[in-house]
Amino acid sequence: MNRITNLTIYMCLLIIVVMAVPSFAQAPVATGVSAKMNWMELGTTFLYGLLGIMLSMIGYKVYDLMVPFDIHKEIAEDQNVSLGIVLAAIILGVSIIVAAAIAS
């Protein structure tokens, strides 16, 4: 796999973790029989994580349409590190906004 694919996978995993933390952090601590995992909450967290990933990808595509150059060529072929950093910041910013919208 190339570096862009690895970066995409790591960013998706980071988004899933960031989106899952608020859901489980608010759950009350239970003991005994009621301490079993709530599968409904886990399922909704997973769905919200997928929604967040899709919205982050849409944000990336919107940014790709806005710039006058080919992002893939700049990052993959020309090794433009500064564009990669800006792109990562944009994806992270969109992810934080989506996480805040889903959490509220």
C-alpha atoms as a PDB file:
ATOM      1  CA  MET A   1       0.000   0.000   0.000  1.00  0.00           C
ATOM      2  CA  ASN A   2       1.191   3.494  -0.632  1.00  0.00           C
ATOM      3  CA  ARG A   3       1.488   6.273   1.924  1.00  0.00           C
ATOM      4  CA  ILE A   4      -1.757   8.010   0.969  1.00  0.00           C
ATOM      5  CA  THR A   5      -3.752   4.816   1.483  1.00  0.00           C
ATOM      6  CA  ASN A   6      -2.113   4.258   4.874  1.00  0.00           C
ATOM      7  CA  LEU A   7      -2.811   7.869   5.875  1.00  0.00           C
ATOM      8  CA  THR A   8      -6.448   7.479   4.844  1.00  0.00           C
ATOM      9  CA  ILE A   9      -6.812   4.298   6.892  1.00  0.00           C
ATOM     10  CA  TYR A  10      -5.222   5.903   9.956  1.00  0.00           C
ATOM     11  CA  MET A  11      -7.442   8.985   9.644  1.00  0.00           C
ATOM     12  CA  CYS A  12     -10.569   6.800   9.377  1.00  0.00           C
ATOM     13  CA  LEU A  13      -9.580   4.854  12.481  1.00  0.00           C
ATOM     14  CA  LEU A  14      -8.898   8.110  14.335  1.00  0.00           C
ATOM     15  CA  ILE A  15     -12.310   9.433  13.345  1.00  0.00           C
ATOM     16  CA  ILE A  16     -14.036   6.263  14.572  1.00  0.00           C
ATOM     17  CA  VAL A  17     -12.230   6.453  17.922  1.00  0.00           C
ATOM     18  CA  VAL A  18     -12.956  10.176  18.350  1.00  0.00           C
ATOM     19  CA  MET A  19     -16.614   9.618  17.512  1.00  0.00           C
ATOM     20  CA  ALA A  20     -16.959   6.608  19.841  1.00  0.00           C
ATOM     21  CA  VAL A  21     -15.457   8.225  22.942  1.00  0.00           C
ATOM     22  CA  PRO A  22     -18.304  10.711  23.698  1.00  0.00           C
ATOM     23  CA  SER A  23     -20.938   7.974  23.425  1.00  0.00           C
ATOM     24  CA  PHE A  24     -19.267   5.667  25.945  1.00  0.00           C
ATOM     25  CA  ALA A  25     -17.933   8.426  28.185  1.00  0.00           C
ATOM     26  CA  GLN A  26     -21.482   9.515  29.048  1.00  0.00           C
ATOM     27  CA  ALA A  27     -22.703   6.016  29.876  1.00  0.00           C
ATOM     28  CA  PRO A  28     -23.251   5.462  33.593  1.00  0.00           C
ATOM     29  CA  VAL A  29     -21.164   2.837  35.337  1.00  0.00           C
ATOM     30  CA  ALA A  30     -23.298  -0.235  35.987  1.00  0.00           C
ATOM     31  CA  THR A  31     -22.756  -3.285  38.137  1.00  0.00           C
ATOM     32  CA  GLY A  32     -24.108  -6.825  38.125  1.00  0.00           C
ATOM     33  CA  VAL A  33     -26.562  -7.964  35.455  1.00  0.00           C
ATOM     34  CA  SER A  34     -27.021  -4.488  33.991  1.00  0.00           C
ATOM     35  CA  ALA A  35     -23.279  -4.223  33.336  1.00  0.00           C
ATOM     36  CA  LYS A  36     -23.670  -6.072  30.026  1.00  0.00           C
ATOM     37  CA  MET A  37     -22.720  -4.104  26.962  1.00  0.00           C
ATOM     38  CA  ASN A  38     -25.555  -2.182  25.425  1.00  0.00           C
ATOM     39  CA  TRP A  39     -25.474  -3.403  21.810  1.00  0.00           C
ATOM     40  CA  MET A  40     -27.861  -0.689  20.669  1.00  0.00           C
ATOM     41  CA  GLU A  41     -25.443   2.043  21.790  1.00  0.00           C
ATOM     42  CA  LEU A  42     -22.546   0.219  20.167  1.00  0.00           C
ATOM     43  CA  GLY A  43     -24.498  -0.071  16.906  1.00  0.00           C
ATOM     44  CA  THR A  44     -25.490   3.583  16.854  1.00  0.00           C
ATOM     45  CA  THR A  45     -21.913   4.598  17.641  1.00  0.00           C
ATOM     46  CA  PHE A  46     -20.711   2.502  14.718  1.00  0.00           C
ATOM     47  CA  LEU A  47     -23.331   4.046  12.405  1.00  0.00           C
ATOM     48  CA  TYR A  48     -22.429   7.557  13.542  1.00  0.00           C
ATOM     49  CA  GLY A  49     -18.778   6.706  12.934  1.00  0.00           C
ATOM     50  CA  LEU A  50     -19.575   5.646   9.375  1.00  0.00           C
ATOM     51  CA  LEU A  51     -21.629   8.805   8.910  1.00  0.00           C
ATOM     52  CA  GLY A  52     -18.703  10.879  10.152  1.00  0.00           C
ATOM     53  CA  ILE A  53     -16.311   9.151   7.761  1.00  0.00           C
ATOM     54  CA  MET A  54     -18.656   9.724   4.829  1.00  0.00           C
ATOM     55  CA  LEU A  55     -19.072  13.401   5.707  1.00  0.00           C
ATOM     56  CA  SER A  56     -15.308  13.784   6.048  1.00  0.00           C
ATOM     57  CA  MET A  57     -14.855  12.247   2.610  1.00  0.00           C
ATOM     58  CA  ILE A  58     -17.450  14.640   1.203  1.00  0.00           C
ATOM     59  CA  GLY A  59     -15.528  17.528   2.787  1.00  0.00           C
ATOM     60  CA  TYR A  60     -12.364  16.264   1.105  1.00  0.00           C
ATOM     61  CA  LYS A  61     -14.123  16.054  -2.268  1.00  0.00           C
ATOM     62  CA  VAL A  62     -15.491  19.596  -1.874  1.00  0.00           C
ATOM     63  CA  TYR A  63     -11.971  20.852  -1.146  1.00  0.00           C
ATOM     64  CA  ASP A  64     -10.682  18.883  -4.132  1.00  0.00           C
ATOM     65  CA  LEU A  65     -13.227  20.622  -6.374  1.00  0.00           C
ATOM     66  CA  MET A  66     -12.336  24.061  -4.971  1.00  0.00           C
ATOM     67  CA  VAL A  67      -8.593  24.008  -5.635  1.00  0.00           C
ATOM     68  CA  PRO A  68      -7.305  24.636  -9.185  1.00  0.00           C
ATOM     69  CA  PHE A  69      -4.775  21.768  -9.133  1.00  0.00           C
ATOM     70  CA  ASP A  70      -4.861  17.979  -8.818  1.00  0.00           C
ATOM     71  CA  ILE A  71      -4.433  17.089  -5.130  1.00  0.00           C
ATOM     72  CA  HIS A  72      -3.497  13.464  -5.803  1.00  0.00           C
ATOM     73  CA  LYS A  73      -0.753  14.480  -8.241  1.00  0.00           C
ATOM     74  CA  GLU A  74       0.633  17.090  -5.860  1.00  0.00           C
ATOM     75  CA  ILE A  75       0.805  14.725  -2.886  1.00  0.00           C
ATOM     76  CA  ALA A  76       1.659  11.406  -4.535  1.00  0.00           C
ATOM     77  CA  GLU A  77       3.904  12.393  -7.433  1.00  0.00           C
ATOM     78  CA  ASP A  78       5.361  15.760  -6.406  1.00  0.00           C
ATOM     79  CA  GLN A  79       5.675  14.814  -2.689  1.00  0.00           C
ATOM     80  CA  ASN A  80       4.123  18.113  -1.574  1.00  0.00           C
ATOM     81  CA  VAL A  81       4.271  17.725   2.212  1.00  0.00           C
ATOM     82  CA  SER A  82       2.751  21.127   2.962  1.00  0.00           C
ATOM     83  CA  LEU A  83      -0.374  20.276   0.966  1.00  0.00           C
ATOM     84  CA  GLY A  84      -0.620  16.981   2.846  1.00  0.00           C
ATOM     85  CA  ILE A  85      -0.501  18.824   6.163  1.00  0.00           C
ATOM     86  CA  VAL A  86      -3.167  21.300   5.036  1.00  0.00           C
ATOM     87  CA  LEU A  87      -5.331  18.456   3.765  1.00  0.00           C
ATOM     88  CA  ALA A  88      -4.972  16.566   7.053  1.00  0.00           C
ATOM     89  CA  ALA A  89      -5.953  19.721   8.945  1.00  0.00           C
ATOM     90  CA  ILE A  90      -9.032  20.147   6.768  1.00  0.00           C
ATOM     91  CA  ILE A  91     -10.094  16.529   7.286  1.00  0.00           C
ATOM     92  CA  LEU A  92      -9.518  16.838  11.038  1.00  0.00           C
ATOM     93  CA  GLY A  93     -11.475  20.109  11.173  1.00  0.00           C
ATOM     94  CA  VAL A  94     -14.426  18.626   9.319  1.00  0.00           C
ATOM     95  CA  SER A  95     -14.276  15.574  11.592  1.00  0.00           C
ATOM     96  CA  ILE A  96     -14.383  17.716  14.734  1.00  0.00           C
ATOM     97  CA  ILE A  97     -17.372  19.645  13.384  1.00  0.00           C
ATOM     98  CA  VAL A  98     -19.207  16.427  12.475  1.00  0.00           C
ATOM     99  CA  ALA A  99     -18.420  14.897  15.886  1.00  0.00           C
ATOM    100  CA  ALA A 100     -19.767  17.981  17.656  1.00  0.00           C
ATOM    101  CA  ALA A 101     -22.913  17.965  15.525  1.00  0.00           C
ATOM    102  CA  ILE A 102     -23.559  14.269  16.166  1.00  0.00           C
ATOM    103  CA  ALA A 103     -22.845  14.560  19.908  1.00  0.00           C
ATOM    104  CA  SER A 104     -25.374  17.364  20.365  1.00  0.00           C
END
